[in-house]
Amino acid sequence: MSAPDLYRAAERLMAMDDRAWARHANPWSVWTRAATPLPLLALAIWSRVWIGSWAWAAVVLVCLWILVNPRLFPAPDRLDSWAARGVMGERVLLRHRARIAPHHLRVARLLSGVSAVGVLPYAWGLWQLDPWATITGIVLVAGSKLWFVDRMAWVWEDFTRSGGTTEDLSAPE
């Protein structure tokens, strides 16, 4: 029995279709997604101290932001920015994993693991209202995600050098 494909599960959870992926390749989408969700979620959860159960409304708004963000910005005219190449590399990971060099896959898994570990201090910090634990978690999660995107940019470059194109990345029907 094989392990669940968490990358594909995340894609399904976010309802990412070809159009959403194209829009997410916009650097504004990548950078706002990298910089805002975890701090905003922390603020929303910590707001329970100030606004009580109304904090749930703030949490819902942040969750909506996370869902809308990849779709908010227009698709870029070109795919040569670091952010766009990273997004395209993620699509290669989802659609053509067998074409990715093993060293890239190992690093991608390692970085995903570091990100997952970062959730622990983040969650603890949110629960205990501990800013240092929360910040540590944010640094681990966001830092490893940015490094992951960098690795995916490399994957995209390898993919295109070997003849791959954006047409090869369409989501399965």
C-alpha atoms as a PDB file:
ATOM      1  CA  MET A   1       0.000   0.000   0.000  1.00  0.00           C
ATOM      2  CA  SER A   2       1.430   3.365  -0.970  1.00  0.00           C
ATOM      3  CA  ALA A   3       1.442   6.479   1.150  1.00  0.00           C
ATOM      4  CA  PRO A   4      -1.191   9.103   0.411  1.00  0.00           C
ATOM      5  CA  ASP A   5      -0.097  11.780  -2.030  1.00  0.00           C
ATOM      6  CA  LEU A   6      -0.274  14.856   0.169  1.00  0.00           C
ATOM      7  CA  TYR A   7       0.650  17.163  -2.701  1.00  0.00           C
ATOM      8  CA  ARG A   8      -2.353  16.001  -4.722  1.00  0.00           C
ATOM      9  CA  ALA A   9      -4.559  16.091  -1.629  1.00  0.00           C
ATOM     10  CA  ALA A  10      -3.612  19.734  -1.075  1.00  0.00           C
ATOM     11  CA  GLU A  11      -4.373  20.500  -4.712  1.00  0.00           C
ATOM     12  CA  ARG A  12      -7.833  18.944  -4.355  1.00  0.00           C
ATOM     13  CA  LEU A  13      -8.468  20.684  -1.034  1.00  0.00           C
ATOM     14  CA  MET A  14      -7.712  24.042  -2.633  1.00  0.00           C
ATOM     15  CA  ALA A  15      -9.795  23.123  -5.730  1.00  0.00           C
ATOM     16  CA  MET A  16      -6.910  24.061  -8.005  1.00  0.00           C
ATOM     17  CA  ASP A  17      -7.819  23.683 -11.657  1.00  0.00           C
ATOM     18  CA  ASP A  18      -5.801  24.827 -14.682  1.00  0.00           C
ATOM     19  CA  ARG A  19      -7.202  28.355 -14.484  1.00  0.00           C
ATOM     20  CA  ALA A  20      -6.418  28.690 -10.773  1.00  0.00           C
ATOM     21  CA  TRP A  21      -2.878  27.390 -11.318  1.00  0.00           C
ATOM     22  CA  ALA A  22      -2.343  29.878 -14.156  1.00  0.00           C
ATOM     23  CA  ARG A  23      -3.461  32.756 -11.948  1.00  0.00           C
ATOM     24  CA  HIS A  24      -1.430  31.477  -9.009  1.00  0.00           C
ATOM     25  CA  ALA A  25       1.707  31.737 -11.167  1.00  0.00           C
ATOM     26  CA  ASN A  26       1.412  35.517 -10.788  1.00  0.00           C
ATOM     27  CA  PRO A  27       4.231  36.655  -8.477  1.00  0.00           C
ATOM     28  CA  TRP A  28       1.752  38.742  -6.466  1.00  0.00           C
ATOM     29  CA  SER A  29      -0.155  35.566  -5.691  1.00  0.00           C
ATOM     30  CA  VAL A  30       2.960  33.662  -4.684  1.00  0.00           C
ATOM     31  CA  TRP A  31       4.399  36.393  -2.483  1.00  0.00           C
ATOM     32  CA  THR A  32       1.133  37.310  -0.756  1.00  0.00           C
ATOM     33  CA  ARG A  33       0.463  33.633  -0.170  1.00  0.00           C
ATOM     34  CA  ALA A  34       3.931  33.151   1.280  1.00  0.00           C
ATOM     35  CA  ALA A  35       3.837  36.218   3.509  1.00  0.00           C
ATOM     36  CA  THR A  36       0.307  36.602   4.814  1.00  0.00           C
ATOM     37  CA  PRO A  37      -1.639  33.451   5.781  1.00  0.00           C
ATOM     38  CA  LEU A  38       0.295  32.316   8.849  1.00  0.00           C
ATOM     39  CA  PRO A  39       0.666  35.747  10.483  1.00  0.00           C
ATOM     40  CA  LEU A  40      -2.962  36.603   9.698  1.00  0.00           C
ATOM     41  CA  LEU A  41      -4.155  33.288  11.086  1.00  0.00           C
ATOM     42  CA  ALA A  42      -2.082  33.836  14.217  1.00  0.00           C
ATOM     43  CA  LEU A  43      -3.581  37.276  14.669  1.00  0.00           C
ATOM     44  CA  ALA A  44      -7.088  35.912  14.093  1.00  0.00           C
ATOM     45  CA  ILE A  45      -6.622  33.127  16.639  1.00  0.00           C
ATOM     46  CA  TRP A  46      -4.947  35.388  19.174  1.00  0.00           C
ATOM     47  CA  SER A  47      -7.814  37.837  18.791  1.00  0.00           C
ATOM     48  CA  ARG A  48      -9.849  35.462  20.961  1.00  0.00           C
ATOM     49  CA  VAL A  49      -8.286  37.306  23.884  1.00  0.00           C
ATOM     50  CA  TRP A  50      -9.632  40.664  22.688  1.00  0.00           C
ATOM     51  CA  ILE A  51     -12.886  39.846  20.919  1.00  0.00           C
ATOM     52  CA  GLY A  52     -13.864  36.468  22.319  1.00  0.00           C
ATOM     53  CA  SER A  53     -15.904  34.220  20.069  1.00  0.00           C
ATOM     54  CA  TRP A  54     -15.870  36.849  17.320  1.00  0.00           C
ATOM     55  CA  ALA A  55     -12.374  35.535  16.651  1.00  0.00           C
ATOM     56  CA  TRP A  56     -14.068  32.758  14.686  1.00  0.00           C
ATOM     57  CA  ALA A  57     -15.166  35.362  12.143  1.00  0.00           C
ATOM     58  CA  ALA A  58     -11.566  36.484  11.769  1.00  0.00           C
ATOM     59  CA  VAL A  59     -10.443  32.871  11.312  1.00  0.00           C
ATOM     60  CA  VAL A  60     -13.089  32.346   8.626  1.00  0.00           C
ATOM     61  CA  LEU A  61     -11.937  35.498   6.819  1.00  0.00           C
ATOM     62  CA  VAL A  62      -8.338  34.271   6.834  1.00  0.00           C
ATOM     63  CA  CYS A  63      -9.443  30.873   5.519  1.00  0.00           C
ATOM     64  CA  LEU A  64     -11.350  32.614   2.730  1.00  0.00           C
ATOM     65  CA  TRP A  65      -8.223  34.635   1.928  1.00  0.00           C
ATOM     66  CA  ILE A  66      -6.209  31.410   1.712  1.00  0.00           C
ATOM     67  CA  LEU A  67      -8.769  29.924  -0.681  1.00  0.00           C
ATOM     68  CA  VAL A  68      -9.201  33.051  -2.819  1.00  0.00           C
ATOM     69  CA  ASN A  69      -5.561  34.124  -3.007  1.00  0.00           C
ATOM     70  CA  PRO A  70      -4.435  31.785  -5.820  1.00  0.00           C
ATOM     71  CA  ARG A  71      -7.349  33.017  -7.927  1.00  0.00           C
ATOM     72  CA  LEU A  72      -7.215  36.711  -7.094  1.00  0.00           C
ATOM     73  CA  PHE A  73      -4.482  37.901  -9.423  1.00  0.00           C
ATOM     74  CA  PRO A  74      -4.472  37.608 -13.217  1.00  0.00           C
ATOM     75  CA  ALA A  75      -2.346  34.999 -14.929  1.00  0.00           C
ATOM     76  CA  PRO A  76       1.066  36.473 -15.713  1.00  0.00           C
ATOM     77  CA  ASP A  77       1.976  37.309 -19.289  1.00  0.00           C
ATOM     78  CA  ARG A  78       5.256  35.443 -18.894  1.00  0.00           C
ATOM     79  CA  LEU A  79       6.457  32.530 -16.808  1.00  0.00           C
ATOM     80  CA  ASP A  80      10.075  33.583 -16.359  1.00  0.00           C
ATOM     81  CA  SER A  81       9.811  35.038 -12.846  1.00  0.00           C
ATOM     82  CA  TRP A  82      11.107  32.954  -9.958  1.00  0.00           C
ATOM     83  CA  ALA A  83       7.601  32.733  -8.503  1.00  0.00           C
ATOM     84  CA  ALA A  84       6.009  31.599 -11.761  1.00  0.00           C
ATOM     85  CA  ARG A  85       8.725  29.011 -12.337  1.00  0.00           C
ATOM     86  CA  GLY A  86       8.169  27.725  -8.805  1.00  0.00           C
ATOM     87  CA  VAL A  87       4.432  27.344  -9.362  1.00  0.00           C
ATOM     88  CA  MET A  88       5.020  25.601 -12.676  1.00  0.00           C
ATOM     89  CA  GLY A  89       7.478  23.264 -10.976  1.00  0.00           C
ATOM     90  CA  GLU A  90       4.802  22.372  -8.429  1.00  0.00           C
ATOM     91  CA  ARG A  91       2.588  21.393 -11.325  1.00  0.00           C
ATOM     92  CA  VAL A  92       5.367  19.206 -12.717  1.00  0.00           C
ATOM     93  CA  LEU A  93       5.572  17.552  -9.298  1.00  0.00           C
ATOM     94  CA  LEU A  94       1.841  16.859  -9.460  1.00  0.00           C
ATOM     95  CA  ARG A  95       1.643  15.678 -13.068  1.00  0.00           C
ATOM     96  CA  HIS A  96       5.053  14.278 -14.031  1.00  0.00           C
ATOM     97  CA  ARG A  97       6.778  13.153 -10.859  1.00  0.00           C
ATOM     98  CA  ALA A  98       8.557  10.343 -12.709  1.00  0.00           C
ATOM     99  CA  ARG A  99      10.364  12.951 -14.815  1.00  0.00           C
ATOM    100  CA  ILE A 100      11.825  14.730 -11.773  1.00  0.00           C
ATOM    101  CA  ALA A 101      15.394  13.938 -10.745  1.00  0.00           C
ATOM    102  CA  PRO A 102      15.521  11.913  -7.517  1.00  0.00           C
ATOM    103  CA  HIS A 103      17.615  14.546  -5.730  1.00  0.00           C
ATOM    104  CA  HIS A 104      14.858  17.115  -6.311  1.00  0.00           C
ATOM    105  CA  LEU A 105      12.237  14.736  -4.950  1.00  0.00           C
ATOM    106  CA  ARG A 106      14.301  14.033  -1.837  1.00  0.00           C
ATOM    107  CA  VAL A 107      14.722  17.733  -1.130  1.00  0.00           C
ATOM    108  CA  ALA A 108      11.020  18.396  -1.790  1.00  0.00           C
ATOM    109  CA  ARG A 109      10.045  15.684   0.696  1.00  0.00           C
ATOM    110  CA  LEU A 110      12.556  16.943   3.253  1.00  0.00           C
ATOM    111  CA  LEU A 111      11.292  20.519   2.971  1.00  0.00           C
ATOM    112  CA  SER A 112       7.692  19.359   3.224  1.00  0.00           C
ATOM    113  CA  GLY A 113       8.672  17.484   6.377  1.00  0.00           C
ATOM    114  CA  VAL A 114      10.341  20.554   7.869  1.00  0.00           C
ATOM    115  CA  SER A 115       7.211  22.539   7.089  1.00  0.00           C
ATOM    116  CA  ALA A 116       5.071  19.912   8.800  1.00  0.00           C
ATOM    117  CA  VAL A 117       7.322  19.972  11.865  1.00  0.00           C
ATOM    118  CA  GLY A 118       6.991  23.762  11.923  1.00  0.00           C
ATOM    119  CA  VAL A 119       3.262  23.376  12.456  1.00  0.00           C
ATOM    120  CA  LEU A 120       3.963  22.009  15.951  1.00  0.00           C
ATOM    121  CA  PRO A 121       5.521  25.136  17.494  1.00  0.00           C
ATOM    122  CA  TYR A 122       3.102  27.276  15.483  1.00  0.00           C
ATOM    123  CA  ALA A 123       0.073  25.462  16.885  1.00  0.00           C
ATOM    124  CA  TRP A 124       1.544  25.432  20.390  1.00  0.00           C
ATOM    125  CA  GLY A 125       2.231  29.140  20.177  1.00  0.00           C
ATOM    126  CA  LEU A 126      -1.319  29.835  19.065  1.00  0.00           C
ATOM    127  CA  TRP A 127      -2.744  27.696  21.849  1.00  0.00           C
ATOM    128  CA  GLN A 128      -0.519  29.160  24.559  1.00  0.00           C
ATOM    129  CA  LEU A 129      -0.383  32.705  23.159  1.00  0.00           C
ATOM    130  CA  ASP A 130       3.390  32.295  22.948  1.00  0.00           C
ATOM    131  CA  PRO A 131       4.806  34.669  20.335  1.00  0.00           C
ATOM    132  CA  TRP A 132       8.226  32.965  20.188  1.00  0.00           C
ATOM    133  CA  ALA A 133       6.771  29.541  19.485  1.00  0.00           C
ATOM    134  CA  THR A 134       4.421  31.063  16.925  1.00  0.00           C
ATOM    135  CA  ILE A 135       7.223  32.942  15.191  1.00  0.00           C
ATOM    136  CA  THR A 136       9.411  29.831  15.222  1.00  0.00           C
ATOM    137  CA  GLY A 137       6.612  27.900  13.565  1.00  0.00           C
ATOM    138  CA  ILE A 138       6.045  30.609  10.972  1.00  0.00           C
ATOM    139  CA  VAL A 139       9.752  30.707  10.134  1.00  0.00           C
ATOM    140  CA  LEU A 140       9.921  26.920   9.777  1.00  0.00           C
ATOM    141  CA  VAL A 141       6.726  26.603   7.736  1.00  0.00           C
ATOM    142  CA  ALA A 142       7.153  29.654   5.508  1.00  0.00           C
ATOM    143  CA  GLY A 143      10.919  29.321   5.195  1.00  0.00           C
ATOM    144  CA  SER A 144      10.752  25.714   4.096  1.00  0.00           C
ATOM    145  CA  LYS A 145       7.872  26.532   1.739  1.00  0.00           C
ATOM    146  CA  LEU A 146       9.905  29.274   0.078  1.00  0.00           C
ATOM    147  CA  TRP A 147      12.850  26.902  -0.253  1.00  0.00           C
ATOM    148  CA  PHE A 148      10.431  24.323  -1.689  1.00  0.00           C
ATOM    149  CA  VAL A 149       9.238  26.877  -4.268  1.00  0.00           C
ATOM    150  CA  ASP A 150      12.863  27.577  -5.130  1.00  0.00           C
ATOM    151  CA  ARG A 151      13.434  23.862  -5.680  1.00  0.00           C
ATOM    152  CA  MET A 152      10.295  23.713  -7.816  1.00  0.00           C
ATOM    153  CA  ALA A 153      11.651  26.568  -9.956  1.00  0.00           C
ATOM    154  CA  TRP A 154      14.664  24.360 -10.591  1.00  0.00           C
ATOM    155  CA  VAL A 155      12.350  21.432 -11.400  1.00  0.00           C
ATOM    156  CA  TRP A 156      10.520  23.615 -13.942  1.00  0.00           C
ATOM    157  CA  GLU A 157      13.792  24.600 -15.593  1.00  0.00           C
ATOM    158  CA  ASP A 158      14.842  20.944 -15.860  1.00  0.00           C
ATOM    159  CA  PHE A 159      11.406  20.019 -17.212  1.00  0.00           C
ATOM    160  CA  THR A 160      11.425  22.666 -19.934  1.00  0.00           C
ATOM    161  CA  ARG A 161      15.030  21.871 -20.872  1.00  0.00           C
ATOM    162  CA  SER A 162      13.938  18.288 -21.479  1.00  0.00           C
ATOM    163  CA  GLY A 163      11.121  19.418 -23.790  1.00  0.00           C
ATOM    164  CA  GLY A 164       8.251  19.798 -21.317  1.00  0.00           C
ATOM    165  CA  THR A 165       5.731  22.580 -21.876  1.00  0.00           C
ATOM    166  CA  THR A 166       2.788  24.146 -20.074  1.00  0.00           C
ATOM    167  CA  GLU A 167       0.475  22.042 -22.245  1.00  0.00           C
ATOM    168  CA  ASP A 168       1.850  18.956 -20.493  1.00  0.00           C
ATOM    169  CA  LEU A 169       0.528  20.193 -17.152  1.00  0.00           C
ATOM    170  CA  SER A 170      -3.233  20.201 -17.615  1.00  0.00           C
ATOM    171  CA  ALA A 171      -5.133  18.838 -14.670  1.00  0.00           C
ATOM    172  CA  PRO A 172      -6.730  15.440 -15.185  1.00  0.00           C
ATOM    173  CA  GLU A 173     -10.403  15.607 -16.065  1.00  0.00           C
END
